[in-house]
N, C-alpha and C. Protein backbone atom coordinates (compact mmCIF):
# COMPACT_ATOMS: atom_id res chain seq x y z
N MET A 1 -13.65 38.28 30.25
CA MET A 1 -13.54 37.87 31.66
C MET A 1 -14.17 36.49 31.83
N ASP A 2 -13.44 35.61 32.46
CA ASP A 2 -13.97 34.30 32.81
C ASP A 2 -14.80 34.45 34.09
N ILE A 3 -16.10 34.34 33.95
CA ILE A 3 -17.02 34.52 35.09
C ILE A 3 -16.74 33.49 36.17
N ASN A 4 -16.23 32.31 35.80
CA ASN A 4 -15.92 31.29 36.80
C ASN A 4 -14.79 31.72 37.74
N LYS A 5 -13.92 32.61 37.28
CA LYS A 5 -12.88 33.14 38.17
C LYS A 5 -13.49 34.13 39.16
N LEU A 6 -14.45 34.91 38.69
CA LEU A 6 -15.16 35.86 39.56
C LEU A 6 -16.07 35.11 40.52
N TRP A 7 -16.71 34.06 40.01
CA TRP A 7 -17.71 33.29 40.76
C TRP A 7 -17.37 31.80 40.75
N PRO A 8 -16.38 31.34 41.53
CA PRO A 8 -16.11 29.90 41.58
C PRO A 8 -17.31 29.10 42.10
N GLU A 9 -18.21 29.77 42.82
CA GLU A 9 -19.40 29.12 43.38
C GLU A 9 -20.38 28.65 42.30
N LEU A 10 -20.21 29.12 41.06
CA LEU A 10 -21.05 28.63 39.96
C LEU A 10 -20.97 27.11 39.84
N SER A 11 -19.81 26.56 40.18
CA SER A 11 -19.64 25.10 40.07
C SER A 11 -20.53 24.34 41.04
N TRP A 12 -21.07 25.00 42.04
CA TRP A 12 -21.98 24.35 43.00
C TRP A 12 -23.36 24.08 42.39
N ILE A 13 -23.71 24.79 41.32
CA ILE A 13 -25.01 24.59 40.67
C ILE A 13 -24.93 23.32 39.84
N GLN A 14 -25.68 22.31 40.25
CA GLN A 14 -25.63 21.00 39.58
C GLN A 14 -26.33 21.00 38.23
N ASP A 15 -27.39 21.78 38.10
CA ASP A 15 -28.16 21.84 36.85
C ASP A 15 -27.36 22.63 35.80
N ASP A 16 -26.90 21.95 34.77
CA ASP A 16 -26.05 22.58 33.75
C ASP A 16 -26.72 23.79 33.10
N GLU A 17 -28.00 23.67 32.78
CA GLU A 17 -28.71 24.76 32.12
C GLU A 17 -28.83 25.98 33.03
N LEU A 18 -29.16 25.75 34.30
CA LEU A 18 -29.27 26.87 35.24
C LEU A 18 -27.91 27.52 35.46
N ARG A 19 -26.85 26.70 35.58
CA ARG A 19 -25.50 27.25 35.73
C ARG A 19 -25.14 28.13 34.54
N GLU A 20 -25.45 27.67 33.33
CA GLU A 20 -25.15 28.43 32.11
C GLU A 20 -25.93 29.74 32.07
N LYS A 21 -27.20 29.71 32.42
CA LYS A 21 -28.03 30.92 32.40
C LYS A 21 -27.57 31.92 33.46
N THR A 22 -27.15 31.40 34.60
CA THR A 22 -26.62 32.27 35.66
C THR A 22 -25.32 32.93 35.18
N THR A 23 -24.48 32.16 34.53
CA THR A 23 -23.21 32.67 34.01
C THR A 23 -23.43 33.73 32.94
N ILE A 24 -24.30 33.45 31.96
CA ILE A 24 -24.49 34.42 30.87
C ILE A 24 -25.17 35.70 31.36
N THR A 25 -25.94 35.60 32.44
CA THR A 25 -26.53 36.81 33.02
C THR A 25 -25.42 37.73 33.53
N TRP A 26 -24.44 37.15 34.23
CA TRP A 26 -23.31 37.95 34.71
C TRP A 26 -22.48 38.49 33.55
N GLU A 27 -22.27 37.68 32.53
CA GLU A 27 -21.50 38.14 31.37
C GLU A 27 -22.19 39.33 30.70
N LEU A 28 -23.50 39.24 30.51
CA LEU A 28 -24.24 40.32 29.88
C LEU A 28 -24.24 41.58 30.74
N ALA A 29 -24.41 41.40 32.04
CA ALA A 29 -24.39 42.56 32.94
C ALA A 29 -23.03 43.26 32.90
N LEU A 30 -21.96 42.50 32.92
CA LEU A 30 -20.62 43.10 32.84
C LEU A 30 -20.41 43.81 31.51
N GLU A 31 -20.92 43.22 30.44
CA GLU A 31 -20.81 43.83 29.12
C GLU A 31 -21.50 45.19 29.07
N ARG A 32 -22.62 45.32 29.78
CA ARG A 32 -23.41 46.56 29.77
C ARG A 32 -23.02 47.54 30.87
N SER A 33 -22.15 47.13 31.75
CA SER A 33 -21.82 47.91 32.93
C SER A 33 -20.67 48.89 32.67
N ALA A 34 -20.69 49.97 33.43
CA ALA A 34 -19.55 50.88 33.45
C ALA A 34 -18.43 50.31 34.31
N LEU A 35 -18.73 49.26 35.08
CA LEU A 35 -17.75 48.63 35.96
C LEU A 35 -17.12 47.43 35.27
N SER A 36 -15.90 47.14 35.65
CA SER A 36 -15.22 45.93 35.18
C SER A 36 -15.24 44.89 36.29
N ALA A 37 -14.89 43.67 35.93
CA ALA A 37 -14.78 42.61 36.94
C ALA A 37 -13.74 43.00 38.00
N GLU A 38 -12.68 43.68 37.58
CA GLU A 38 -11.65 44.12 38.52
C GLU A 38 -12.21 45.17 39.49
N ASP A 39 -13.09 46.06 38.99
CA ASP A 39 -13.72 47.06 39.87
C ASP A 39 -14.49 46.37 40.99
N LEU A 40 -15.16 45.27 40.68
CA LEU A 40 -15.98 44.57 41.67
C LEU A 40 -15.13 44.01 42.81
N GLN A 41 -13.84 43.82 42.54
CA GLN A 41 -12.92 43.30 43.55
C GLN A 41 -12.39 44.41 44.45
N THR A 42 -12.69 45.68 44.11
CA THR A 42 -12.14 46.79 44.88
C THR A 42 -13.19 47.76 45.42
N ILE A 43 -14.33 47.91 44.73
CA ILE A 43 -15.32 48.88 45.22
C ILE A 43 -15.98 48.36 46.49
N PRO A 44 -16.40 49.27 47.38
CA PRO A 44 -17.10 48.81 48.59
C PRO A 44 -18.42 48.13 48.22
N PHE A 45 -18.86 47.20 49.05
CA PHE A 45 -20.06 46.44 48.71
C PHE A 45 -21.33 47.26 48.85
N THR A 46 -21.27 48.36 49.57
CA THR A 46 -22.43 49.23 49.69
C THR A 46 -21.97 50.68 49.62
N LEU A 47 -22.83 51.51 49.08
CA LEU A 47 -22.53 52.94 49.01
C LEU A 47 -22.98 53.65 50.28
N LEU A 48 -23.63 52.95 51.18
CA LEU A 48 -24.22 53.58 52.37
C LEU A 48 -23.27 53.70 53.55
N CYS A 49 -22.10 53.08 53.49
CA CYS A 49 -21.19 53.07 54.64
C CYS A 49 -19.94 53.91 54.45
N GLY A 50 -19.88 54.66 53.39
CA GLY A 50 -18.73 55.52 53.17
C GLY A 50 -17.65 54.85 52.34
N PRO A 51 -16.74 55.64 51.81
CA PRO A 51 -15.74 55.15 50.86
C PRO A 51 -14.60 54.34 51.48
N ASP A 52 -14.48 54.35 52.81
CA ASP A 52 -13.35 53.67 53.45
C ASP A 52 -13.63 52.21 53.81
N LEU A 53 -14.81 51.73 53.49
CA LEU A 53 -15.17 50.35 53.79
C LEU A 53 -14.25 49.39 53.05
N LYS A 54 -13.65 48.45 53.78
CA LYS A 54 -12.69 47.52 53.18
C LYS A 54 -13.36 46.30 52.56
N VAL A 55 -14.60 46.00 52.93
CA VAL A 55 -15.31 44.84 52.39
C VAL A 55 -15.76 45.20 50.97
N THR A 56 -15.26 44.44 50.01
CA THR A 56 -15.56 44.75 48.61
C THR A 56 -16.90 44.16 48.18
N PHE A 57 -17.33 44.60 47.02
CA PHE A 57 -18.55 44.07 46.42
C PHE A 57 -18.50 42.54 46.36
N MET A 58 -17.41 42.00 45.84
CA MET A 58 -17.30 40.55 45.69
C MET A 58 -17.12 39.85 47.03
N ASP A 59 -16.44 40.46 48.01
CA ASP A 59 -16.35 39.86 49.35
C ASP A 59 -17.76 39.63 49.89
N HIS A 60 -18.57 40.66 49.83
CA HIS A 60 -19.93 40.57 50.35
C HIS A 60 -20.77 39.58 49.56
N LYS A 61 -20.75 39.70 48.24
CA LYS A 61 -21.59 38.84 47.42
C LYS A 61 -21.25 37.38 47.60
N ARG A 62 -19.97 37.06 47.61
CA ARG A 62 -19.57 35.66 47.77
C ARG A 62 -19.92 35.15 49.17
N SER A 63 -19.79 36.00 50.18
CA SER A 63 -20.16 35.56 51.54
C SER A 63 -21.65 35.27 51.63
N VAL A 64 -22.48 36.06 50.97
CA VAL A 64 -23.92 35.82 50.96
C VAL A 64 -24.23 34.45 50.35
N VAL A 65 -23.55 34.12 49.26
CA VAL A 65 -23.76 32.82 48.61
C VAL A 65 -23.38 31.68 49.56
N HIS A 66 -22.25 31.81 50.22
CA HIS A 66 -21.80 30.77 51.15
C HIS A 66 -22.75 30.62 52.32
N ILE A 67 -23.19 31.73 52.89
CA ILE A 67 -24.09 31.70 54.05
C ILE A 67 -25.45 31.12 53.64
N ALA A 68 -25.98 31.56 52.52
CA ALA A 68 -27.28 31.07 52.06
C ALA A 68 -27.22 29.56 51.78
N LYS A 69 -26.16 29.10 51.13
CA LYS A 69 -26.01 27.67 50.83
C LYS A 69 -25.96 26.86 52.12
N ALA A 70 -25.15 27.30 53.07
CA ALA A 70 -25.05 26.58 54.35
C ALA A 70 -26.40 26.55 55.06
N ALA A 71 -27.11 27.66 55.05
CA ALA A 71 -28.43 27.71 55.69
C ALA A 71 -29.40 26.77 54.99
N GLY A 72 -29.39 26.78 53.66
CA GLY A 72 -30.28 25.90 52.91
C GLY A 72 -30.01 24.44 53.18
N GLU A 73 -28.74 24.08 53.26
CA GLU A 73 -28.38 22.70 53.57
C GLU A 73 -28.87 22.30 54.95
N LYS A 74 -28.76 23.20 55.92
CA LYS A 74 -29.22 22.89 57.29
C LYS A 74 -30.75 22.79 57.34
N VAL A 75 -31.45 23.63 56.60
CA VAL A 75 -32.91 23.53 56.55
C VAL A 75 -33.30 22.17 55.97
N ASN A 76 -32.65 21.76 54.89
CA ASN A 76 -32.94 20.45 54.31
C ASN A 76 -32.61 19.32 55.28
N GLU A 77 -31.56 19.48 56.07
CA GLU A 77 -31.13 18.44 57.00
C GLU A 77 -32.07 18.31 58.20
N PHE A 78 -32.53 19.43 58.75
CA PHE A 78 -33.25 19.40 60.02
C PHE A 78 -34.78 19.52 59.94
N TYR A 79 -35.33 19.92 58.82
CA TYR A 79 -36.77 20.22 58.79
C TYR A 79 -37.62 19.15 58.11
N HIS A 80 -37.08 17.94 57.97
CA HIS A 80 -37.85 16.76 57.55
C HIS A 80 -38.68 16.98 56.29
N GLY A 81 -38.18 17.80 55.37
CA GLY A 81 -38.91 18.03 54.13
C GLY A 81 -40.05 19.02 54.25
N GLU A 82 -40.26 19.61 55.42
CA GLU A 82 -41.34 20.58 55.61
C GLU A 82 -41.06 21.91 54.91
N LEU A 83 -39.79 22.26 54.77
CA LEU A 83 -39.37 23.47 54.06
C LEU A 83 -38.29 23.06 53.06
N PRO A 84 -38.65 22.33 52.03
CA PRO A 84 -37.62 21.87 51.09
C PRO A 84 -36.96 23.03 50.37
N VAL A 85 -35.64 23.01 50.35
CA VAL A 85 -34.86 24.06 49.69
C VAL A 85 -34.22 23.47 48.44
N ASN A 86 -34.48 24.10 47.30
CA ASN A 86 -33.82 23.73 46.06
C ASN A 86 -32.47 24.45 46.06
N ILE A 87 -31.41 23.72 46.34
CA ILE A 87 -30.08 24.32 46.52
C ILE A 87 -29.60 24.99 45.23
N ASP A 88 -29.88 24.42 44.07
CA ASP A 88 -29.48 25.06 42.82
C ASP A 88 -30.16 26.42 42.64
N VAL A 89 -31.45 26.48 42.89
CA VAL A 89 -32.19 27.74 42.78
C VAL A 89 -31.65 28.74 43.80
N LEU A 90 -31.40 28.27 45.01
CA LEU A 90 -30.86 29.12 46.08
C LEU A 90 -29.52 29.72 45.68
N ILE A 91 -28.60 28.89 45.20
CA ILE A 91 -27.26 29.38 44.83
C ILE A 91 -27.34 30.34 43.65
N SER A 92 -28.10 29.97 42.62
CA SER A 92 -28.25 30.86 41.47
C SER A 92 -28.83 32.20 41.90
N GLY A 93 -29.87 32.17 42.72
CA GLY A 93 -30.49 33.42 43.20
C GLY A 93 -29.54 34.26 44.02
N ALA A 94 -28.74 33.60 44.85
CA ALA A 94 -27.78 34.35 45.67
C ALA A 94 -26.69 34.97 44.79
N ILE A 95 -26.23 34.24 43.78
CA ILE A 95 -25.21 34.77 42.87
C ILE A 95 -25.77 35.94 42.06
N LEU A 96 -27.04 35.86 41.69
CA LEU A 96 -27.64 36.90 40.84
C LEU A 96 -28.32 38.03 41.60
N ALA A 97 -28.45 37.93 42.91
CA ALA A 97 -29.23 38.92 43.66
C ALA A 97 -28.81 40.36 43.37
N ASP A 98 -27.53 40.62 43.28
CA ASP A 98 -27.05 42.00 43.07
C ASP A 98 -26.50 42.24 41.67
N VAL A 99 -26.80 41.36 40.71
CA VAL A 99 -26.28 41.55 39.35
C VAL A 99 -26.76 42.89 38.77
N GLY A 100 -27.92 43.36 39.17
CA GLY A 100 -28.43 44.66 38.70
C GLY A 100 -27.60 45.84 39.16
N LYS A 101 -26.81 45.66 40.22
CA LYS A 101 -25.94 46.77 40.66
C LYS A 101 -24.91 47.13 39.60
N LEU A 102 -24.62 46.19 38.71
CA LEU A 102 -23.68 46.48 37.63
C LEU A 102 -24.26 47.52 36.68
N LEU A 103 -25.57 47.66 36.65
CA LEU A 103 -26.23 48.69 35.84
C LEU A 103 -26.54 49.92 36.68
N GLU A 104 -26.64 49.74 37.98
CA GLU A 104 -26.99 50.83 38.90
C GLU A 104 -25.79 51.72 39.22
N TYR A 105 -24.61 51.15 39.29
CA TYR A 105 -23.41 51.87 39.69
C TYR A 105 -22.61 52.37 38.48
N VAL A 106 -21.95 53.49 38.68
CA VAL A 106 -20.95 54.00 37.74
C VAL A 106 -19.76 54.46 38.57
N LEU A 107 -18.66 54.78 37.92
CA LEU A 107 -17.50 55.33 38.61
C LEU A 107 -17.45 56.83 38.36
N ASN A 108 -17.23 57.60 39.42
CA ASN A 108 -17.12 59.06 39.26
C ASN A 108 -15.71 59.43 38.81
N GLU A 109 -15.43 60.72 38.73
CA GLU A 109 -14.14 61.21 38.24
C GLU A 109 -12.97 60.71 39.08
N GLU A 110 -13.21 60.46 40.39
CA GLU A 110 -12.15 59.96 41.28
C GLU A 110 -12.05 58.44 41.26
N GLY A 111 -12.88 57.79 40.45
CA GLY A 111 -12.86 56.33 40.38
C GLY A 111 -13.66 55.65 41.48
N LYS A 112 -14.48 56.42 42.19
CA LYS A 112 -15.32 55.87 43.26
C LYS A 112 -16.66 55.44 42.69
N ALA A 113 -17.19 54.32 43.20
CA ALA A 113 -18.50 53.85 42.76
C ALA A 113 -19.59 54.75 43.33
N VAL A 114 -20.48 55.17 42.46
CA VAL A 114 -21.63 55.99 42.85
C VAL A 114 -22.86 55.49 42.09
N GLN A 115 -24.01 55.87 42.58
CA GLN A 115 -25.23 55.51 41.86
C GLN A 115 -25.37 56.38 40.63
N GLY A 116 -25.54 55.74 39.49
CA GLY A 116 -25.69 56.47 38.23
C GLY A 116 -27.13 56.88 38.00
N THR A 117 -27.37 57.59 36.93
CA THR A 117 -28.72 58.05 36.60
C THR A 117 -29.68 56.88 36.47
N TYR A 118 -29.27 55.83 35.76
CA TYR A 118 -30.13 54.65 35.61
C TYR A 118 -30.51 54.10 36.98
N GLY A 119 -29.54 54.00 37.88
CA GLY A 119 -29.78 53.47 39.21
C GLY A 119 -30.69 54.33 40.06
N LYS A 120 -30.74 55.62 39.77
CA LYS A 120 -31.64 56.50 40.52
C LYS A 120 -33.10 56.22 40.17
N TYR A 121 -33.33 55.70 38.97
CA TYR A 121 -34.69 55.39 38.53
C TYR A 121 -35.08 53.93 38.74
N LEU A 122 -34.12 53.03 38.57
CA LEU A 122 -34.38 51.60 38.72
C LEU A 122 -33.34 50.99 39.64
N ARG A 123 -33.78 50.60 40.84
CA ARG A 123 -32.86 49.92 41.75
C ARG A 123 -32.52 48.53 41.23
N HIS A 124 -31.47 47.97 41.76
CA HIS A 124 -30.92 46.72 41.26
C HIS A 124 -31.86 45.50 41.29
N PRO A 125 -32.83 45.40 42.20
CA PRO A 125 -33.74 44.25 42.06
C PRO A 125 -34.51 44.27 40.74
N PHE A 126 -34.89 45.45 40.28
CA PHE A 126 -35.64 45.57 39.03
C PHE A 126 -34.74 45.31 37.82
N SER A 127 -33.59 45.97 37.78
CA SER A 127 -32.70 45.77 36.64
C SER A 127 -32.13 44.35 36.65
N GLY A 128 -31.92 43.79 37.82
CA GLY A 128 -31.43 42.42 37.90
C GLY A 128 -32.41 41.41 37.33
N VAL A 129 -33.68 41.56 37.67
CA VAL A 129 -34.71 40.67 37.11
C VAL A 129 -34.78 40.85 35.60
N SER A 130 -34.72 42.08 35.14
CA SER A 130 -34.82 42.35 33.71
C SER A 130 -33.72 41.63 32.93
N ILE A 131 -32.50 41.77 33.39
CA ILE A 131 -31.38 41.15 32.66
C ILE A 131 -31.41 39.63 32.81
N ALA A 132 -31.82 39.13 33.97
CA ALA A 132 -31.91 37.68 34.17
C ALA A 132 -32.99 37.07 33.28
N GLU A 133 -34.13 37.73 33.19
CA GLU A 133 -35.19 37.22 32.31
C GLU A 133 -34.73 37.21 30.85
N GLU A 134 -34.00 38.25 30.46
CA GLU A 134 -33.46 38.31 29.10
C GLU A 134 -32.57 37.10 28.81
N CYS A 135 -31.91 36.57 29.84
CA CYS A 135 -31.01 35.43 29.68
C CYS A 135 -31.71 34.09 29.93
N GLY A 136 -33.01 34.12 30.13
CA GLY A 136 -33.76 32.88 30.30
C GLY A 136 -33.72 32.27 31.69
N VAL A 137 -33.33 33.06 32.68
CA VAL A 137 -33.29 32.57 34.06
C VAL A 137 -34.73 32.28 34.51
N PRO A 138 -34.97 31.13 35.14
CA PRO A 138 -36.34 30.76 35.51
C PRO A 138 -36.95 31.68 36.58
N ALA A 139 -38.27 31.69 36.61
CA ALA A 139 -39.03 32.58 37.50
C ALA A 139 -38.66 32.40 38.96
N GLU A 140 -38.42 31.17 39.41
CA GLU A 140 -38.12 30.96 40.83
C GLU A 140 -36.80 31.61 41.24
N VAL A 141 -35.88 31.76 40.30
CA VAL A 141 -34.62 32.46 40.59
C VAL A 141 -34.85 33.98 40.47
N CYS A 142 -35.59 34.40 39.46
CA CYS A 142 -35.91 35.84 39.32
C CYS A 142 -36.65 36.35 40.56
N HIS A 143 -37.49 35.49 41.14
CA HIS A 143 -38.20 35.84 42.37
C HIS A 143 -37.20 36.20 43.49
N ILE A 144 -36.12 35.45 43.59
CA ILE A 144 -35.10 35.74 44.62
C ILE A 144 -34.46 37.09 44.35
N ILE A 145 -34.11 37.35 43.10
CA ILE A 145 -33.52 38.65 42.74
C ILE A 145 -34.48 39.78 43.11
N ALA A 146 -35.75 39.61 42.75
CA ALA A 146 -36.75 40.65 42.97
C ALA A 146 -37.03 40.91 44.45
N THR A 147 -36.92 39.85 45.28
CA THR A 147 -37.36 39.98 46.67
C THR A 147 -36.24 40.01 47.70
N HIS A 148 -34.98 40.02 47.24
CA HIS A 148 -33.89 39.95 48.22
C HIS A 148 -33.73 41.24 49.02
N ALA A 149 -34.16 42.35 48.47
CA ALA A 149 -34.01 43.66 49.14
C ALA A 149 -35.36 44.09 49.72
N GLY A 150 -35.42 45.32 50.17
CA GLY A 150 -36.63 45.84 50.80
C GLY A 150 -37.88 45.75 49.94
N GLU A 151 -37.70 45.82 48.63
CA GLU A 151 -38.85 45.71 47.73
C GLU A 151 -39.61 44.41 47.95
N GLY A 152 -38.91 43.39 48.39
CA GLY A 152 -39.53 42.08 48.60
C GLY A 152 -40.41 42.00 49.82
N ASN A 153 -40.38 43.03 50.67
CA ASN A 153 -41.21 43.01 51.87
C ASN A 153 -42.70 43.13 51.54
N MET A 154 -43.02 43.43 50.30
CA MET A 154 -44.41 43.62 49.90
C MET A 154 -45.04 42.35 49.32
N VAL A 155 -44.26 41.28 49.18
CA VAL A 155 -44.77 40.05 48.56
C VAL A 155 -44.42 38.85 49.43
N LYS A 156 -45.04 37.73 49.10
CA LYS A 156 -44.75 36.47 49.77
C LYS A 156 -43.46 35.90 49.18
N ARG A 157 -42.49 35.58 50.02
CA ARG A 157 -41.22 35.03 49.57
C ARG A 157 -41.22 33.51 49.65
N THR A 158 -40.48 32.88 48.73
CA THR A 158 -40.22 31.45 48.84
C THR A 158 -39.18 31.24 49.94
N THR A 159 -39.02 29.99 50.36
CA THR A 159 -38.00 29.68 51.36
C THR A 159 -36.62 30.10 50.88
N GLU A 160 -36.31 29.81 49.62
CA GLU A 160 -35.01 30.19 49.05
C GLU A 160 -34.84 31.71 49.09
N ALA A 161 -35.89 32.44 48.78
CA ALA A 161 -35.82 33.91 48.79
C ALA A 161 -35.60 34.44 50.21
N TYR A 162 -36.26 33.83 51.20
CA TYR A 162 -36.01 34.23 52.60
C TYR A 162 -34.56 34.00 52.98
N LEU A 163 -34.02 32.86 52.60
CA LEU A 163 -32.64 32.55 52.98
C LEU A 163 -31.66 33.55 52.36
N VAL A 164 -31.83 33.88 51.09
CA VAL A 164 -30.94 34.86 50.45
C VAL A 164 -31.14 36.23 51.07
N HIS A 165 -32.39 36.63 51.28
CA HIS A 165 -32.69 37.94 51.89
C HIS A 165 -31.99 38.07 53.25
N HIS A 166 -32.13 37.05 54.08
CA HIS A 166 -31.54 37.14 55.42
C HIS A 166 -30.02 37.02 55.39
N ALA A 167 -29.48 36.20 54.52
CA ALA A 167 -28.01 36.12 54.39
C ALA A 167 -27.47 37.48 53.96
N ASP A 168 -28.17 38.15 53.06
CA ASP A 168 -27.75 39.47 52.58
C ASP A 168 -27.85 40.51 53.70
N PHE A 169 -28.98 40.57 54.38
CA PHE A 169 -29.18 41.60 55.38
C PHE A 169 -28.39 41.36 56.66
N MET A 170 -28.16 40.10 57.02
CA MET A 170 -27.38 39.85 58.24
C MET A 170 -25.91 40.25 58.06
N THR A 171 -25.48 40.37 56.80
CA THR A 171 -24.11 40.78 56.53
C THR A 171 -24.03 42.21 56.02
N PHE A 172 -25.17 42.90 56.03
CA PHE A 172 -25.22 44.31 55.61
C PHE A 172 -25.62 45.21 56.77
N LEU A 173 -26.71 44.87 57.46
CA LEU A 173 -27.22 45.75 58.51
C LEU A 173 -26.23 46.05 59.63
N PRO A 174 -25.40 45.10 60.08
CA PRO A 174 -24.42 45.47 61.11
C PRO A 174 -23.47 46.59 60.66
N PHE A 175 -23.14 46.63 59.36
CA PHE A 175 -22.31 47.73 58.86
C PHE A 175 -23.10 49.03 58.85
N LYS A 176 -24.32 48.97 58.39
CA LYS A 176 -25.15 50.16 58.26
C LYS A 176 -25.50 50.76 59.62
N GLU A 177 -25.73 49.88 60.58
CA GLU A 177 -26.25 50.35 61.87
C GLU A 177 -25.25 50.35 63.01
N ARG A 178 -23.99 49.98 62.73
CA ARG A 178 -23.04 49.90 63.83
C ARG A 178 -22.78 51.29 64.40
N LEU A 179 -22.51 51.28 65.66
CA LEU A 179 -22.21 52.53 66.36
C LEU A 179 -20.77 52.94 66.09
N LYS A 180 -20.55 54.19 65.88
CA LYS A 180 -19.20 54.70 65.75
C LYS A 180 -18.70 55.04 67.15
N VAL A 181 -17.62 54.38 67.57
CA VAL A 181 -17.09 54.59 68.93
C VAL A 181 -15.82 55.38 68.87
C-alpha cells in the first residue's frame, strides 16, 4: 500500500526525515494490523456511535489533520509568536494520533470493526506511541499521540497537542453526544 495515497497530507510535512518517520510508522502499523488500508476507508471512525455511521475512519482522521493545520496556521498568524506552532510537528502528530487504532481494532465475523483483545488492554494512545517510537518519531510528536485523547488530561500539553486534541474532539463529541430526534 502506498501510504501517500491513504495520506496525501504527508506532503505537507516539510521536514523530509519527519515525513519519512511518519510514513514508516503507518506502514508498520498496517503491516501489524488485522485491518487493511481499504478497511480504513469503510469502517466507522468510532465504535461508540453504532455501525450505521457513514463517516469513515479516514474521513475523520483526514478532517482532523486539516482542521489542526488550519488552526495552527491561524495561531501563528495572529498570536505574534506568543504561541509558536511547529506546523510539521502538528501535522505529523495529527496524522499519527490514531495510528494505534490499527492495533486496537479487529474485524468480527460479520466484517465489522470491534475492539480486539489487545485494544482492551492497551488503548490506541499507548500503542500509537509505542509503534511511533519504534520508528524513531521524535518525542514532541509522540507527545501529541499520547495526549490527544482523554489520557492526556492528566499531563501538560504542548500547543500542538492542544490543537490536535481539540480538532479531534470537536469532530467526535457532536456525534457521541447528539440527541436522537
